[in-house]
Amino acid sequence: MKLFGDIPVCGDPIDQGALKQIQRTRAVCDRAALMADHHKGYGVPIGGVMACREHISPTAVGYDIACGNKAVLTDALASDVKSGIGRIMDDIAKQISFGLGRISGWDIDHPMFDSPLWADMEALQQTGKGGRPLKDAARRQLGTVGSGNHYVDLFVDEQERVWIGVHFGSRGLGHKIATFFLEAANAGKGMEADPALLSISSSIGEDYLQCMELAGQYAYAGRDAVCSKVLEILGARSVQEVHNHHNFAWRETHGGVDYWVMRKGATPAFPGQKGFVGGSMGDNSVILQGVESKESKELLYSTVHGAGRVMSRTKAHGKNYKGKQMFKPGISREEMMAWVRRSGVELRGADVDEAPQAYKRLHEVLPAQGPTIKVLHTLRPIGVAMAGSDVEDPYKD
């Protein structure tokens, strides 16, 4: 960990674009930090943590509000799952909806849909896909996974126990909420825009916090529903669950001072708190736990949310334009599949922008967080399901 002014920055090498973004962020907030899986995002870098006494920033939460990870330890027998992994992954790909604008086809009744906010908040009066009221669109989409780096995985740990892992957020609902409040805050456009700030004592700031909390409940409900469906497919029960947002804002006390702490692609890691952090489709993931240390305090008790990209989506596709010239090659599907096969992973869907070659190695990233976390379990992927190559991801952060 290195200090740039009073900003603790983890990782080697340090992404200079992300560093400039977190320095710009620090200029308008009280504290900031940057995790080891950092890379550039919109306004605030992925892996960035921003703390404010009197403000909240929709930029620092991101478009995919409450994106997060859930891991479930099951009582399934690893031998049974491994022997039937092809059929199991076929069932996951068939019964769970991946991609943009999809509906789950599940009738999920959740108390969140009874919230008076749906009727009271202007941000929730928008229409969703097909012109439906946003509440109806959100209800239909609950339990869908989406595209990009969102996934449903099966793992085996060091004790040959089977885990489910999922990664996605609040889907179209969160994007609609984020867009509404960023526009209301007159947020700048583009990657280099300053973070938009809302006073927590203003009506718009209070409205954002309430809508963000609703999106958080929605994301938790969606991940719960998908994990329940995978348990059903496995014919298994849940033994232990680890569940975290990593695009969210929390009211926290650090050094005796109360802040709104916004983590954008960063996982809360208070002492004793567990987190599920995914690698790429061909690499191990981990269950980790926060540790008390001087460095933990400096990082606002935060850690990575993944391995972090080393190649943009456009570069992975070989679509990096400079003027009118296209530079090749990117990553071929053959190269991606060769890595996946070597790793013993049964893959459904996915595209080359999510290939292992586009990511750092998680086991090399975690040590850069210093004495702030410890790994409890290492999870080896045996099955991965993602949206296919015919789907583009609108959520770059």
Protein backbone atom coordinates (compact mmCIF):
# COMPACT_ATOMS: atom_id res chain seq x y z
CA MET A 1 0.00 0.00 0.00
CA LYS A 2 1.28 3.46 -0.95
CA LEU A 3 0.11 6.88 0.13
CA PHE A 4 -0.56 9.56 -2.46
CA GLY A 5 -1.11 12.56 -0.24
CA ASP A 6 -3.51 11.08 2.30
CA ILE A 7 -5.01 8.55 -0.15
CA PRO A 8 -4.00 4.91 0.51
CA VAL A 9 -3.61 3.09 -2.81
CA CYS A 10 -3.20 -0.67 -3.16
CA GLY A 11 -1.92 -2.59 -6.16
CA ASP A 12 1.14 -2.92 -8.36
CA PRO A 13 1.27 -1.60 -10.99
CA ILE A 14 -0.96 1.35 -10.20
CA ASP A 15 -3.35 2.36 -12.96
CA GLN A 16 -2.52 6.01 -13.53
CA GLY A 17 -5.96 6.79 -14.94
CA ALA A 18 -7.65 5.37 -11.84
CA LEU A 19 -5.16 7.20 -9.61
CA LYS A 20 -6.05 10.53 -11.21
CA GLN A 21 -9.73 9.76 -10.72
CA ILE A 22 -9.36 8.96 -7.02
CA GLN A 23 -7.28 12.13 -6.54
CA ARG A 24 -10.04 14.13 -8.21
CA THR A 25 -12.54 12.34 -5.97
CA ARG A 26 -10.53 13.18 -2.85
CA ALA A 27 -10.67 16.87 -3.75
CA VAL A 28 -14.44 16.88 -3.12
CA CYS A 29 -14.74 14.46 -0.19
CA ASP A 30 -13.30 13.93 3.30
CA ARG A 31 -11.48 10.62 2.81
CA ALA A 32 -10.73 8.29 -0.08
CA ALA A 33 -8.96 4.99 -0.80
CA LEU A 34 -8.22 2.77 -3.79
CA MET A 35 -8.25 -1.04 -3.77
CA ALA A 36 -5.80 -3.37 -5.55
CA ASP A 37 -8.27 -4.39 -8.28
CA HIS A 38 -8.76 -0.79 -9.36
CA HIS A 39 -9.26 0.51 -12.87
CA LYS A 40 -10.92 3.54 -14.44
CA GLY A 41 -14.65 4.01 -14.11
CA TYR A 42 -17.12 6.79 -14.76
CA GLY A 43 -15.99 9.72 -12.60
CA VAL A 44 -14.96 7.53 -9.66
CA PRO A 45 -12.66 4.56 -10.33
CA ILE A 46 -13.70 0.96 -9.87
CA GLY A 47 -12.14 -0.09 -6.58
CA GLY A 48 -12.61 3.43 -5.24
CA VAL A 49 -13.88 4.28 -1.75
CA MET A 50 -15.19 7.76 -0.98
CA ALA A 51 -16.24 9.05 2.46
CA CYS A 52 -18.23 12.25 3.07
CA ARG A 53 -19.61 13.75 6.25
CA GLU A 54 -22.43 15.73 4.65
CA HIS A 55 -22.85 14.45 1.10
CA ILE A 56 -23.75 11.37 -0.90
CA SER A 57 -22.49 10.76 -4.44
CA PRO A 58 -24.48 8.74 -6.99
CA THR A 59 -21.29 8.69 -9.08
CA ALA A 60 -19.43 6.87 -6.31
CA VAL A 61 -22.14 4.22 -6.00
CA GLY A 62 -22.35 3.72 -9.75
CA TYR A 63 -25.03 2.82 -12.26
CA ASP A 64 -25.46 -0.77 -11.08
CA ILE A 65 -26.60 0.14 -7.58
CA ALA A 66 -26.06 -2.70 -5.08
CA CYS A 67 -24.14 -4.90 -7.47
CA GLY A 68 -22.71 -7.58 -5.24
CA ASN A 69 -21.69 -11.16 -4.63
CA LYS A 70 -23.37 -14.01 -2.83
CA ALA A 71 -21.77 -17.36 -2.03
CA VAL A 72 -23.64 -20.36 -0.64
CA LEU A 73 -21.97 -23.41 0.87
CA THR A 74 -24.16 -26.41 0.04
CA ASP A 75 -24.52 -29.93 1.38
CA ALA A 76 -24.19 -31.36 -2.15
CA LEU A 77 -21.61 -34.08 -2.71
CA ALA A 78 -18.74 -32.87 -4.88
CA SER A 79 -18.51 -36.27 -6.57
CA ASP A 80 -22.16 -36.09 -7.65
CA VAL A 81 -21.87 -32.52 -8.91
CA LYS A 82 -18.65 -33.18 -10.82
CA SER A 83 -20.04 -36.29 -12.50
CA GLY A 84 -23.19 -34.44 -13.58
CA ILE A 85 -21.68 -31.02 -14.23
CA GLY A 86 -22.67 -30.90 -17.91
CA ARG A 87 -26.34 -31.52 -17.19
CA ILE A 88 -26.30 -29.21 -14.18
CA MET A 89 -24.85 -26.30 -16.17
CA ASP A 90 -27.35 -26.94 -18.95
CA ASP A 91 -30.15 -26.66 -16.38
CA ILE A 92 -28.68 -23.46 -14.91
CA ALA A 93 -28.37 -21.87 -18.36
CA LYS A 94 -31.92 -22.95 -19.24
CA GLN A 95 -33.73 -22.08 -16.01
CA ILE A 96 -31.94 -18.82 -15.12
CA SER A 97 -32.21 -15.83 -17.43
CA PHE A 98 -28.98 -14.14 -18.58
CA GLY A 99 -28.67 -11.05 -20.77
CA LEU A 100 -30.26 -7.62 -21.15
CA GLY A 101 -33.95 -6.84 -20.89
CA ARG A 102 -34.85 -10.39 -19.92
CA ILE A 103 -37.56 -11.47 -17.51
CA SER A 104 -37.13 -14.24 -14.99
CA GLY A 105 -40.46 -15.95 -15.57
CA TRP A 106 -40.63 -16.42 -11.81
CA ASP A 107 -43.45 -15.11 -9.63
CA ILE A 108 -41.45 -13.70 -6.72
CA ASP A 109 -43.44 -11.97 -4.01
CA HIS A 110 -41.17 -9.79 -1.88
CA PRO A 111 -42.08 -7.24 0.85
CA MET A 112 -40.02 -4.61 -0.96
CA PHE A 113 -42.76 -4.35 -3.59
CA ASP A 114 -45.14 -3.18 -0.84
CA SER A 115 -42.96 -0.16 -0.04
CA PRO A 116 -44.77 3.20 -0.28
CA LEU A 117 -41.70 4.54 -2.08
CA TRP A 118 -42.97 3.12 -5.37
CA ALA A 119 -45.86 5.59 -5.23
CA ASP A 120 -44.09 8.46 -3.49
CA MET A 121 -40.75 8.82 -5.31
CA GLU A 122 -40.53 10.62 -8.64
CA ALA A 123 -37.51 8.48 -9.55
CA LEU A 124 -39.70 5.39 -9.32
CA GLN A 125 -42.46 6.81 -11.53
CA GLN A 126 -40.42 6.15 -14.66
CA THR A 127 -41.30 3.47 -17.16
CA GLY A 128 -39.28 0.34 -17.78
CA LYS A 129 -38.91 -1.90 -20.79
CA GLY A 130 -41.95 -1.86 -23.07
CA GLY A 131 -43.36 1.26 -21.40
CA ARG A 132 -44.39 -0.65 -18.27
CA PRO A 133 -44.41 1.13 -14.91
CA LEU A 134 -40.97 0.71 -13.35
CA LYS A 135 -42.35 -1.34 -10.47
CA ASP A 136 -43.93 -3.83 -12.87
CA ALA A 137 -40.79 -4.02 -15.00
CA ALA A 138 -38.67 -4.57 -11.89
CA ARG A 139 -40.97 -7.31 -10.65
CA ARG A 140 -40.70 -9.13 -13.99
CA GLN A 141 -36.92 -8.78 -14.04
CA LEU A 142 -36.28 -9.89 -10.46
CA GLY A 143 -34.13 -13.01 -10.51
CA THR A 144 -32.39 -12.29 -13.83
CA VAL A 145 -28.61 -12.11 -13.89
CA GLY A 146 -27.79 -9.71 -16.69
CA SER A 147 -24.70 -9.54 -18.85
CA GLY A 148 -21.05 -8.46 -18.81
CA ASN A 149 -19.14 -9.84 -15.83
CA HIS A 150 -22.27 -11.10 -14.07
CA TYR A 151 -22.35 -14.83 -13.48
CA VAL A 152 -23.63 -17.94 -11.76
CA ASP A 153 -20.77 -20.27 -10.79
CA LEU A 154 -20.25 -23.60 -9.07
CA PHE A 155 -17.11 -24.17 -7.03
CA VAL A 156 -15.36 -26.85 -4.98
CA ASP A 157 -13.27 -25.72 -2.00
CA GLU A 158 -10.15 -27.18 -0.37
CA GLN A 159 -12.34 -29.58 1.60
CA GLU A 160 -14.18 -30.79 -1.53
CA ARG A 161 -17.34 -28.93 -0.52
CA VAL A 162 -19.62 -27.46 -3.19
CA TRP A 163 -20.33 -23.71 -3.26
CA ILE A 164 -22.63 -21.58 -5.41
CA GLY A 165 -21.42 -18.11 -6.33
CA VAL A 166 -23.40 -15.34 -8.04
CA HIS A 167 -22.53 -11.78 -9.06
CA PHE A 168 -25.05 -9.16 -10.22
CA GLY A 169 -26.96 -6.15 -8.93
CA SER A 170 -30.23 -4.26 -9.15
CA ARG A 171 -30.57 -4.65 -12.91
CA GLY A 172 -32.67 -2.13 -14.85
CA LEU A 173 -34.18 -0.70 -11.66
CA GLY A 174 -30.81 0.44 -10.32
CA HIS A 175 -29.76 1.89 -13.67
CA LYS A 176 -33.00 3.91 -13.90
CA ILE A 177 -32.56 5.23 -10.35
CA ALA A 178 -28.90 6.14 -10.89
CA THR A 179 -29.61 7.88 -14.20
CA PHE A 180 -32.46 9.89 -12.67
CA PHE A 181 -30.39 11.24 -9.79
CA LEU A 182 -27.24 11.85 -11.84
CA GLU A 183 -29.30 13.96 -14.22
CA ALA A 184 -31.00 15.73 -11.32
CA ALA A 185 -27.56 16.54 -9.88
CA ASN A 186 -26.40 17.91 -13.25
CA ALA A 187 -23.59 15.37 -13.24
CA GLY A 188 -20.84 15.81 -15.78
CA LYS A 189 -20.58 13.39 -18.69
CA GLY A 190 -17.73 11.02 -19.46
CA MET A 191 -14.99 9.19 -17.61
CA GLU A 192 -13.26 12.33 -16.33
CA ALA A 193 -16.27 14.08 -14.82
CA ASP A 194 -16.10 15.14 -11.18
CA PRO A 195 -18.25 13.09 -8.78
CA ALA A 196 -21.78 14.45 -8.45
CA LEU A 197 -22.60 15.41 -4.86
CA LEU A 198 -25.97 15.59 -3.11
CA SER A 199 -26.36 17.06 0.36
CA ILE A 200 -27.75 14.47 2.74
CA SER A 201 -29.90 17.20 4.30
CA SER A 202 -31.51 18.10 0.97
CA SER A 203 -34.72 16.53 -0.27
CA ILE A 204 -32.98 15.11 -3.34
CA GLY A 205 -30.22 13.62 -1.19
CA GLU A 206 -32.75 12.03 1.12
CA ASP A 207 -34.69 10.69 -1.87
CA TYR A 208 -31.56 9.17 -3.38
CA LEU A 209 -30.68 7.36 -0.16
CA GLN A 210 -34.18 5.89 0.10
CA CYS A 211 -34.19 4.78 -3.54
CA MET A 212 -30.68 3.35 -3.18
CA GLU A 213 -31.81 1.34 -0.15
CA LEU A 214 -34.77 0.00 -2.13
CA ALA A 215 -32.44 -1.01 -4.97
CA GLY A 216 -30.27 -2.72 -2.36
CA GLN A 217 -33.20 -4.78 -1.14
CA TYR A 218 -34.03 -5.63 -4.75
CA ALA A 219 -30.48 -6.81 -5.48
CA TYR A 220 -30.39 -8.96 -2.35
CA ALA A 221 -33.74 -10.49 -3.29
CA GLY A 222 -32.53 -11.25 -6.81
CA ARG A 223 -29.34 -12.96 -5.66
CA ASP A 224 -31.29 -14.90 -3.04
CA ALA A 225 -33.74 -16.09 -5.70
CA VAL A 226 -31.03 -17.22 -8.11
CA CYS A 227 -29.13 -19.08 -5.40
CA SER A 228 -32.35 -20.78 -4.33
CA LYS A 229 -32.96 -21.89 -7.92
CA VAL A 230 -29.44 -23.35 -8.17
CA LEU A 231 -29.93 -25.18 -4.86
CA GLU A 232 -33.13 -26.62 -6.33
CA ILE A 233 -31.26 -27.75 -9.46
CA LEU A 234 -28.58 -29.37 -7.29
CA GLY A 235 -31.13 -30.95 -4.96
CA ALA A 236 -29.14 -29.43 -2.11
CA ARG A 237 -29.57 -27.25 0.96
CA SER A 238 -27.74 -24.14 2.12
CA VAL A 239 -25.24 -24.65 4.93
CA GLN A 240 -23.65 -21.18 5.04
CA GLU A 241 -24.13 -17.91 3.15
CA VAL A 242 -21.83 -14.94 2.52
CA HIS A 243 -23.56 -11.94 0.95
CA ASN A 244 -22.25 -8.43 0.23
CA HIS A 245 -22.95 -5.37 -1.90
CA HIS A 246 -19.91 -3.72 -3.47
CA ASN A 247 -21.62 -0.75 -5.20
CA PHE A 248 -23.36 0.96 -2.32
CA ALA A 249 -23.22 3.59 0.43
CA TRP A 250 -23.22 2.89 4.17
CA ARG A 251 -23.40 5.13 7.23
CA GLU A 252 -20.23 4.27 9.18
CA THR A 253 -18.00 5.63 11.93
CA HIS A 254 -14.25 5.82 11.30
CA GLY A 255 -11.85 7.38 13.79
CA GLY A 256 -14.77 8.68 15.82
CA VAL A 257 -16.24 10.53 12.82
CA ASP A 258 -19.52 9.61 11.09
CA TYR A 259 -19.37 9.36 7.31
CA TRP A 260 -21.36 8.19 4.35
CA VAL A 261 -18.94 5.65 2.89
CA MET A 262 -19.45 4.87 -0.79
CA ARG A 263 -17.76 1.80 -2.21
CA LYS A 264 -17.68 1.40 -5.99
CA GLY A 265 -16.34 -2.03 -6.78
CA ALA A 266 -15.05 -2.46 -3.24
CA THR A 267 -16.18 -4.94 -0.58
CA PRO A 268 -16.77 -4.03 3.09
CA ALA A 269 -14.17 -5.84 5.22
CA PHE A 270 -14.62 -4.93 8.87
CA PRO A 271 -12.79 -7.18 11.36
CA GLY A 272 -14.52 -10.56 11.34
CA GLN A 273 -16.76 -9.68 8.39
CA LYS A 274 -16.76 -12.28 5.62
CA GLY A 275 -16.79 -11.55 1.92
CA PHE A 276 -16.99 -13.51 -1.31
CA VAL A 277 -14.57 -12.27 -3.97
CA GLY A 278 -14.61 -13.78 -7.45
CA GLY A 279 -11.71 -14.30 -9.82
CA SER A 280 -12.19 -14.71 -13.55
CA MET A 281 -14.01 -17.66 -15.14
CA GLY A 282 -10.81 -19.73 -15.19
CA ASP A 283 -9.35 -18.77 -11.82
CA ASN A 284 -9.99 -19.44 -8.17
CA SER A 285 -12.27 -17.28 -6.05
CA VAL A 286 -12.10 -16.82 -2.27
CA ILE A 287 -14.08 -16.44 0.90
CA LEU A 288 -12.17 -13.89 2.94
CA GLN A 289 -12.50 -12.10 6.27
CA GLY A 290 -11.55 -8.62 7.41
CA VAL A 291 -8.70 -8.25 9.90
CA GLU A 292 -8.04 -5.40 12.33
CA SER A 293 -4.89 -3.48 11.46
CA LYS A 294 -3.54 0.03 10.90
CA GLU A 295 -3.86 -0.53 7.17
CA SER A 296 -7.48 -1.69 7.53
CA LYS A 297 -8.39 1.59 9.19
CA GLU A 298 -6.64 3.57 6.46
CA LEU A 299 -8.59 1.66 3.81
CA LEU A 300 -11.87 2.39 5.61
CA TYR A 301 -12.27 -1.35 6.23
CA SER A 302 -12.59 -2.11 2.52
CA THR A 303 -11.14 -4.68 0.15
CA VAL A 304 -11.29 -5.81 -3.47
CA HIS A 305 -14.45 -7.03 -5.20
CA GLY A 306 -12.66 -9.11 -7.84
CA ALA A 307 -9.34 -9.55 -9.59
CA GLY A 308 -9.57 -6.40 -11.72
CA ARG A 309 -9.22 -5.96 -15.45
CA VAL A 310 -5.93 -5.70 -17.34
CA MET A 311 -7.62 -5.31 -20.72
CA SER A 312 -10.64 -3.23 -21.65
CA ARG A 313 -13.64 -4.85 -23.28
CA THR A 314 -12.85 -3.21 -26.62
CA LYS A 315 -9.23 -4.36 -26.53
CA ALA A 316 -10.30 -7.89 -25.62
CA HIS A 317 -12.49 -7.87 -28.74
CA GLY A 318 -9.70 -6.39 -30.87
CA LYS A 319 -11.77 -3.26 -31.42
CA ASN A 320 -9.41 -0.61 -30.08
CA TYR A 321 -9.63 2.24 -32.57
CA LYS A 322 -6.99 4.94 -32.99
CA GLY A 323 -8.16 7.36 -35.61
CA LYS A 324 -9.52 5.08 -38.31
CA GLN A 325 -7.14 2.21 -37.67
CA MET A 326 -8.22 -0.97 -35.88
CA PHE A 327 -5.59 -2.81 -33.90
CA LYS A 328 -5.68 -6.61 -33.80
CA PRO A 329 -5.66 -9.09 -32.29
CA GLY A 330 -7.74 -9.17 -29.18
CA ILE A 331 -8.49 -12.44 -27.41
CA SER A 332 -9.86 -15.20 -29.60
CA ARG A 333 -12.63 -17.49 -28.41
CA GLU A 334 -10.24 -20.39 -29.01
CA GLU A 335 -7.71 -18.86 -26.60
CA MET A 336 -10.42 -18.27 -24.01
CA MET A 337 -11.75 -21.81 -24.30
CA ALA A 338 -8.26 -23.33 -24.09
CA TRP A 339 -7.73 -21.61 -20.72
CA VAL A 340 -11.16 -22.64 -19.48
CA ARG A 341 -10.59 -26.27 -20.48
CA ARG A 342 -7.19 -26.34 -18.75
CA SER A 343 -8.93 -25.08 -15.62
CA GLY A 344 -11.49 -27.90 -15.78
CA VAL A 345 -14.45 -25.53 -16.07
CA GLU A 346 -17.76 -26.38 -17.75
CA LEU A 347 -18.69 -23.07 -19.43
CA ARG A 348 -22.07 -21.85 -20.65
CA GLY A 349 -22.29 -18.55 -22.53
CA ALA A 350 -19.64 -15.81 -21.97
CA ASP A 351 -17.65 -13.76 -24.45
CA VAL A 352 -13.98 -12.91 -24.91
CA ASP A 353 -14.26 -9.63 -22.98
CA GLU A 354 -14.71 -11.82 -19.88
CA ALA A 355 -11.89 -14.23 -20.77
CA PRO A 356 -9.35 -15.01 -18.02
CA GLN A 357 -6.73 -13.26 -20.16
CA ALA A 358 -8.58 -9.95 -19.67
CA TYR A 359 -8.15 -10.10 -15.88
CA LYS A 360 -5.44 -10.03 -13.26
CA ARG A 361 -4.80 -13.18 -11.22
CA LEU A 362 -6.70 -12.92 -7.94
CA HIS A 363 -4.00 -14.76 -5.96
CA GLU A 364 -1.56 -12.03 -7.01
CA VAL A 365 -3.98 -9.18 -6.26
CA LEU A 366 -5.01 -10.13 -2.72
CA PRO A 367 -1.53 -9.75 -1.12
CA ALA A 368 -1.48 -6.13 -2.29
CA GLN A 369 -4.24 -5.41 0.24
CA GLY A 370 -1.68 -6.03 2.98
CA PRO A 371 -2.61 -7.22 6.48
CA THR A 372 -6.27 -6.21 6.09
CA ILE A 373 -7.80 -9.56 5.14
CA LYS A 374 -7.26 -13.28 5.49
CA VAL A 375 -8.43 -15.99 3.11
CA LEU A 376 -10.73 -18.55 4.75
CA HIS A 377 -11.52 -20.72 1.73
CA THR A 378 -10.22 -21.05 -1.81
CA LEU A 379 -12.92 -21.90 -4.33
CA ARG A 380 -12.00 -23.69 -7.57
CA PRO A 381 -14.54 -23.16 -10.37
CA ILE A 382 -16.05 -26.23 -12.00
CA GLY A 383 -19.02 -24.58 -13.73
CA VAL A 384 -19.55 -21.04 -15.05
CA ALA A 385 -22.68 -19.55 -16.66
CA MET A 386 -22.79 -16.04 -18.15
CA ALA A 387 -24.59 -14.12 -20.88
CA GLY A 388 -23.45 -15.16 -24.34
CA SER A 389 -21.50 -13.30 -27.00
CA ASP A 390 -24.65 -11.85 -28.57
CA VAL A 391 -25.21 -9.54 -25.57
CA GLU A 392 -23.46 -6.23 -24.93
CA ASP A 393 -22.97 -4.84 -21.43
CA PRO A 394 -24.17 -1.25 -20.86
CA TYR A 395 -22.80 -1.13 -17.29
CA LYS A 396 -19.11 -0.42 -17.75
CA ASP A 397 -18.68 -0.06 -13.99
